[in-house]
Amino acid sequence: MLLTIDVGNSNIVIAVFEDNDMLESWRLHTDTNQTSDDWWLTVKALLENAALDPTDLEAAVLGSVAPRVGNAFSSMIVRYLNIQPLIVNARLPLKVDYKVDNPDEIGADRICNVVAARHLYDCPAVVIDLGTATTFDIIDAGGDFIGGVIAPGMETSAHYLISKAALLSAIEMKAPGTVIGKDSESNLQAGIVYGAVDQIDGILERIQAETGWEQMTVVITGGLARLLMAELRFEVLHDPDLTVKGLKLIYDLCG
């Protein structure tokens, strides 16, 4: 079995694969105070609760954009599973041409998304990942990464706004149905949700105009994807497991 771990700034997604089948996956909160021993207790419990034997794990692949937490997971894998994990970075021989100024700046999650999209979907393509940041990864017809966009994430923006405005409080994250709100909650919902939707549609329109692509596949992933995709003008494909699928594919290519 293969253990895949995607460490983001807000969430961690752990999945277990056997051959090409994903047996289980879990989403955890990213806690920078957790040690490798703490993470092992969590991972071991998750595996055992799913009737998976940790000793059956034969390999591991790790992608991280949070170095401290990523290092803790790497140490955990070596210490408790006696496995040397494959660490995702732009220097792996993935047969992807990174047509950017400095490939080493590309986050591991974005590399995973590019690899997954070019293997699983038609190109040219744009991958939108809704996390702490909203990222757009742009892949040309040849399957190469030509650049992207990083914007503030919807929840990140909402939390910052609410924390700075004394008379605003946390809200349920949903589309209110009308853009003109009648109370503070629906005002916030309209601004946050439709603001994010129009941001995505607008950037996709700019990408299409800049590239000249009449047709492009748009894949959306991340925790809030299902909420936003119903509101978008662009036709999008929803793949909630895109990043861990990319981790699996990267291991197949380089493990």
Protein backbone atom coordinates (compact mmCIF):
# COMPACT_ATOMS: atom_id res chain seq x y z
CA MET A 1 0.00 0.00 0.00
CA LEU A 2 1.06 3.58 -0.70
CA LEU A 3 0.65 6.41 1.81
CA THR A 4 0.14 9.85 0.27
CA ILE A 5 0.25 13.05 2.35
CA ASP A 6 -0.62 16.52 1.07
CA VAL A 7 0.34 19.15 3.66
CA GLY A 8 -1.31 22.51 3.06
CA ASN A 9 -1.25 25.69 5.11
CA SER A 10 -4.75 25.07 6.48
CA ASN A 11 -5.45 21.38 5.90
CA ILE A 12 -3.69 18.08 5.46
CA VAL A 13 -5.10 15.36 3.23
CA ILE A 14 -3.91 11.81 3.83
CA ALA A 15 -4.86 8.94 1.53
CA VAL A 16 -3.97 5.28 1.16
CA PHE A 17 -3.77 3.60 -2.24
CA GLU A 18 -3.54 -0.03 -3.18
CA ASP A 19 -2.59 -0.34 -6.84
CA ASN A 20 -4.83 2.29 -8.49
CA ASP A 21 -7.59 2.21 -5.88
CA MET A 22 -7.85 4.83 -3.13
CA LEU A 23 -8.83 2.83 -0.06
CA GLU A 24 -9.36 5.71 2.38
CA SER A 25 -8.71 9.42 2.73
CA TRP A 26 -8.84 11.87 5.63
CA ARG A 27 -8.71 15.65 5.99
CA LEU A 28 -6.97 17.07 9.07
CA HIS A 29 -6.31 20.58 10.34
CA THR A 30 -2.73 21.76 9.87
CA ASP A 31 -1.24 22.21 13.34
CA THR A 32 2.31 23.56 13.39
CA ASN A 33 2.73 22.55 17.05
CA GLN A 34 2.32 18.83 16.41
CA THR A 35 5.47 16.71 16.56
CA SER A 36 6.23 13.65 14.46
CA ASP A 37 5.19 11.53 17.46
CA ASP A 38 1.84 13.39 17.68
CA TRP A 39 1.16 12.90 13.98
CA TRP A 40 1.99 9.20 14.26
CA LEU A 41 -0.61 8.70 16.96
CA THR A 42 -3.19 10.40 14.74
CA VAL A 43 -2.25 8.54 11.55
CA LYS A 44 -2.00 5.17 13.31
CA ALA A 45 -5.47 5.64 14.81
CA LEU A 46 -6.96 6.62 11.45
CA LEU A 47 -5.46 3.59 9.75
CA GLU A 48 -6.55 1.18 12.43
CA ASN A 49 -10.08 2.63 12.56
CA ALA A 50 -10.28 1.96 8.82
CA ALA A 51 -9.08 -1.64 9.35
CA LEU A 52 -5.79 -0.86 7.60
CA ASP A 53 -2.58 -2.30 9.04
CA PRO A 54 0.23 0.29 9.16
CA THR A 55 2.77 -2.50 8.61
CA ASP A 56 1.22 -3.09 5.16
CA LEU A 57 2.38 0.34 4.00
CA GLU A 58 5.25 -0.19 1.59
CA ALA A 59 5.92 3.32 0.30
CA ALA A 60 5.07 6.96 0.94
CA VAL A 61 4.99 10.20 -1.02
CA LEU A 62 4.80 13.62 0.60
CA GLY A 63 3.98 17.05 -0.78
CA SER A 64 4.14 20.01 1.57
CA VAL A 65 3.87 23.81 1.45
CA ALA A 66 4.27 24.10 5.23
CA PRO A 67 7.93 23.18 5.89
CA ARG A 68 7.71 22.63 9.65
CA VAL A 69 4.72 20.31 9.37
CA GLY A 70 6.12 18.61 6.30
CA ASN A 71 9.37 17.87 8.12
CA ALA A 72 7.41 16.42 11.03
CA PHE A 73 5.55 14.06 8.67
CA SER A 74 8.76 13.09 6.90
CA SER A 75 10.38 12.23 10.23
CA MET A 76 7.25 10.29 11.25
CA ILE A 77 7.35 8.18 8.09
CA VAL A 78 11.04 7.35 8.52
CA ARG A 79 10.83 6.65 12.25
CA TYR A 80 7.59 4.71 12.54
CA LEU A 81 7.17 3.14 9.11
CA ASN A 82 10.84 2.66 8.25
CA ILE A 83 10.13 4.16 4.82
CA GLN A 84 12.07 6.89 3.03
CA PRO A 85 9.31 9.08 1.57
CA LEU A 86 9.44 10.54 -1.90
CA ILE A 87 9.33 14.33 -1.47
CA VAL A 88 7.61 16.29 -4.24
CA ASN A 89 9.54 19.13 -5.84
CA ALA A 90 10.10 20.60 -9.29
CA ARG A 91 13.38 18.72 -9.74
CA LEU A 92 11.74 15.29 -9.98
CA PRO A 93 11.88 13.73 -13.49
CA LEU A 94 8.18 14.19 -14.24
CA LYS A 95 8.57 15.06 -17.94
CA VAL A 96 6.87 18.39 -17.30
CA ASP A 97 8.42 21.52 -18.74
CA TYR A 98 7.98 24.36 -16.24
CA LYS A 99 7.87 27.45 -18.45
CA VAL A 100 8.37 29.87 -15.56
CA ASP A 101 11.28 31.93 -14.27
CA ASN A 102 12.07 29.79 -11.21
CA PRO A 103 10.54 26.29 -11.05
CA ASP A 104 11.79 25.85 -7.47
CA GLU A 105 9.17 28.41 -6.38
CA ILE A 106 6.30 26.15 -7.48
CA GLY A 107 4.48 24.66 -4.50
CA ALA A 108 4.29 20.88 -4.18
CA ASP A 109 0.48 20.99 -4.29
CA ARG A 110 0.56 22.81 -7.61
CA ILE A 111 3.03 20.30 -9.06
CA CYS A 112 0.67 17.51 -7.99
CA ASN A 113 -2.30 19.28 -9.57
CA VAL A 114 -0.44 19.81 -12.85
CA VAL A 115 0.68 16.18 -13.04
CA ALA A 116 -2.81 14.90 -12.26
CA ALA A 117 -4.53 17.23 -14.72
CA ARG A 118 -2.20 16.46 -17.63
CA HIS A 119 -2.64 12.70 -17.08
CA LEU A 120 -6.37 12.63 -16.37
CA TYR A 121 -7.88 15.44 -18.45
CA ASP A 122 -7.62 17.02 -21.89
CA CYS A 123 -5.22 19.92 -22.30
CA PRO A 124 -4.96 22.87 -22.46
CA ALA A 125 -6.32 23.05 -18.95
CA VAL A 126 -6.63 25.27 -15.92
CA VAL A 127 -6.67 23.82 -12.41
CA ILE A 128 -8.32 25.94 -9.72
CA ASP A 129 -7.47 24.91 -6.17
CA LEU A 130 -9.55 26.54 -3.43
CA GLY A 131 -7.51 26.54 -0.25
CA THR A 132 -5.80 29.12 1.96
CA ALA A 133 -5.05 30.74 -1.39
CA THR A 134 -7.01 30.30 -4.60
CA THR A 135 -4.49 29.12 -7.18
CA PHE A 136 -4.85 28.81 -10.94
CA ASP A 137 -2.40 26.43 -12.64
CA ILE A 138 -2.29 26.79 -16.42
CA ILE A 139 -1.26 23.85 -18.60
CA ASP A 140 -0.75 24.20 -22.34
CA ALA A 141 -1.80 21.76 -25.06
CA GLY A 142 1.49 19.88 -24.69
CA GLY A 143 0.91 19.28 -20.98
CA ASP A 144 3.48 21.80 -19.77
CA PHE A 145 3.02 24.28 -16.93
CA ILE A 146 3.15 27.82 -18.33
CA GLY A 147 2.40 29.77 -15.14
CA GLY A 148 -0.50 30.69 -12.95
CA VAL A 149 -2.27 32.99 -10.57
CA ILE A 150 -2.35 33.14 -6.76
CA ALA A 151 -5.21 35.03 -5.14
CA PRO A 152 -6.39 35.24 -1.51
CA GLY A 153 -8.57 32.26 -0.60
CA MET A 154 -12.26 32.81 0.04
CA GLU A 155 -12.15 31.69 3.67
CA THR A 156 -8.88 33.55 4.24
CA SER A 157 -10.45 36.80 3.01
CA ALA A 158 -13.64 36.22 4.99
CA HIS A 159 -11.80 35.50 8.24
CA TYR A 160 -9.61 38.58 7.84
CA LEU A 161 -12.61 40.82 7.13
CA ILE A 162 -14.60 39.52 10.09
CA SER A 163 -11.61 39.77 12.44
CA LYS A 164 -11.10 43.43 11.52
CA ALA A 165 -14.73 44.57 11.65
CA ALA A 166 -16.10 44.84 15.18
CA LEU A 167 -19.78 44.66 14.17
CA LEU A 168 -19.41 41.65 11.85
CA SER A 169 -19.51 38.06 13.07
CA ALA A 170 -18.81 34.65 11.54
CA ILE A 171 -21.38 33.44 9.03
CA GLU A 172 -22.47 30.23 7.36
CA MET A 173 -20.54 29.93 4.10
CA LYS A 174 -23.23 29.62 1.42
CA ALA A 175 -24.64 31.46 -1.56
CA PRO A 176 -27.51 33.68 -0.33
CA GLY A 177 -29.47 33.41 -3.59
CA THR A 178 -29.52 37.13 -4.33
CA VAL A 179 -26.62 39.52 -4.65
CA ILE A 180 -28.48 42.29 -2.80
CA GLY A 181 -28.44 41.34 0.87
CA LYS A 182 -31.14 42.37 3.33
CA ASP A 183 -29.18 41.87 6.56
CA SER A 184 -25.55 41.71 7.65
CA GLU A 185 -25.29 37.96 7.12
CA SER A 186 -26.65 37.96 3.57
CA ASN A 187 -24.55 41.05 2.75
CA LEU A 188 -21.44 39.15 3.82
CA GLN A 189 -22.46 35.96 2.05
CA ALA A 190 -23.10 37.81 -1.19
CA GLY A 191 -19.82 39.67 -1.03
CA ILE A 192 -17.72 36.66 -0.10
CA VAL A 193 -19.31 33.99 -2.30
CA TYR A 194 -20.21 36.02 -5.38
CA GLY A 195 -16.99 37.97 -5.06
CA ALA A 196 -15.05 34.69 -5.24
CA VAL A 197 -17.21 33.44 -8.12
CA ASP A 198 -16.69 36.60 -10.17
CA GLN A 199 -12.99 36.54 -9.37
CA ILE A 200 -12.72 33.02 -10.80
CA ASP A 201 -14.85 33.74 -13.87
CA GLY A 202 -12.96 36.97 -14.51
CA ILE A 203 -9.52 35.38 -14.25
CA LEU A 204 -10.60 32.49 -16.50
CA GLU A 205 -11.79 35.01 -19.08
CA ARG A 206 -8.44 36.80 -18.91
CA ILE A 207 -6.54 33.50 -19.25
CA GLN A 208 -8.60 32.59 -22.31
CA ALA A 209 -8.04 36.02 -23.87
CA GLU A 210 -4.30 35.96 -23.14
CA THR A 211 -3.70 32.44 -24.45
CA GLY A 212 -6.14 32.56 -27.34
CA TRP A 213 -7.52 29.15 -26.36
CA GLU A 214 -11.08 28.74 -27.63
CA GLN A 215 -11.47 25.54 -25.63
CA MET A 216 -9.82 24.65 -22.33
CA THR A 217 -10.58 22.15 -19.60
CA VAL A 218 -11.22 23.73 -16.23
CA VAL A 219 -10.81 21.48 -13.18
CA ILE A 220 -11.72 22.72 -9.72
CA THR A 221 -10.60 21.17 -6.45
CA GLY A 222 -10.32 22.11 -2.78
CA GLY A 223 -12.69 22.25 0.14
CA LEU A 224 -15.08 24.93 -1.19
CA ALA A 225 -15.20 23.73 -4.78
CA ARG A 226 -18.69 22.24 -4.60
CA LEU A 227 -20.13 25.50 -3.20
CA LEU A 228 -18.69 27.71 -5.94
CA MET A 229 -18.89 25.52 -9.03
CA ALA A 230 -22.68 25.76 -9.20
CA GLU A 231 -22.41 29.57 -9.43
CA LEU A 232 -19.69 29.81 -12.09
CA ARG A 233 -20.40 30.84 -15.67
CA PHE A 234 -17.62 28.59 -16.94
CA GLU A 235 -18.22 24.86 -17.25
CA VAL A 236 -15.93 23.14 -14.74
CA LEU A 237 -15.07 19.59 -13.72
CA HIS A 238 -15.00 18.86 -9.99
CA ASP A 239 -12.23 16.56 -8.76
CA PRO A 240 -11.99 16.71 -4.94
CA ASP A 241 -9.10 14.23 -4.86
CA LEU A 242 -6.98 15.80 -7.61
CA THR A 243 -3.96 16.60 -5.44
CA VAL A 244 -3.64 13.16 -3.85
CA LYS A 245 -4.17 11.59 -7.28
CA GLY A 246 -1.21 13.70 -8.38
CA LEU A 247 0.84 12.39 -5.46
CA LYS A 248 0.02 8.83 -6.53
CA LEU A 249 0.94 9.53 -10.15
CA ILE A 250 4.21 11.18 -9.11
CA TYR A 251 5.12 8.11 -7.07
CA ASP A 252 4.31 5.89 -10.07
CA LEU A 253 6.64 8.00 -12.20
CA CYS A 254 9.51 8.49 -9.75
CA GLY A 255 9.13 6.06 -6.83
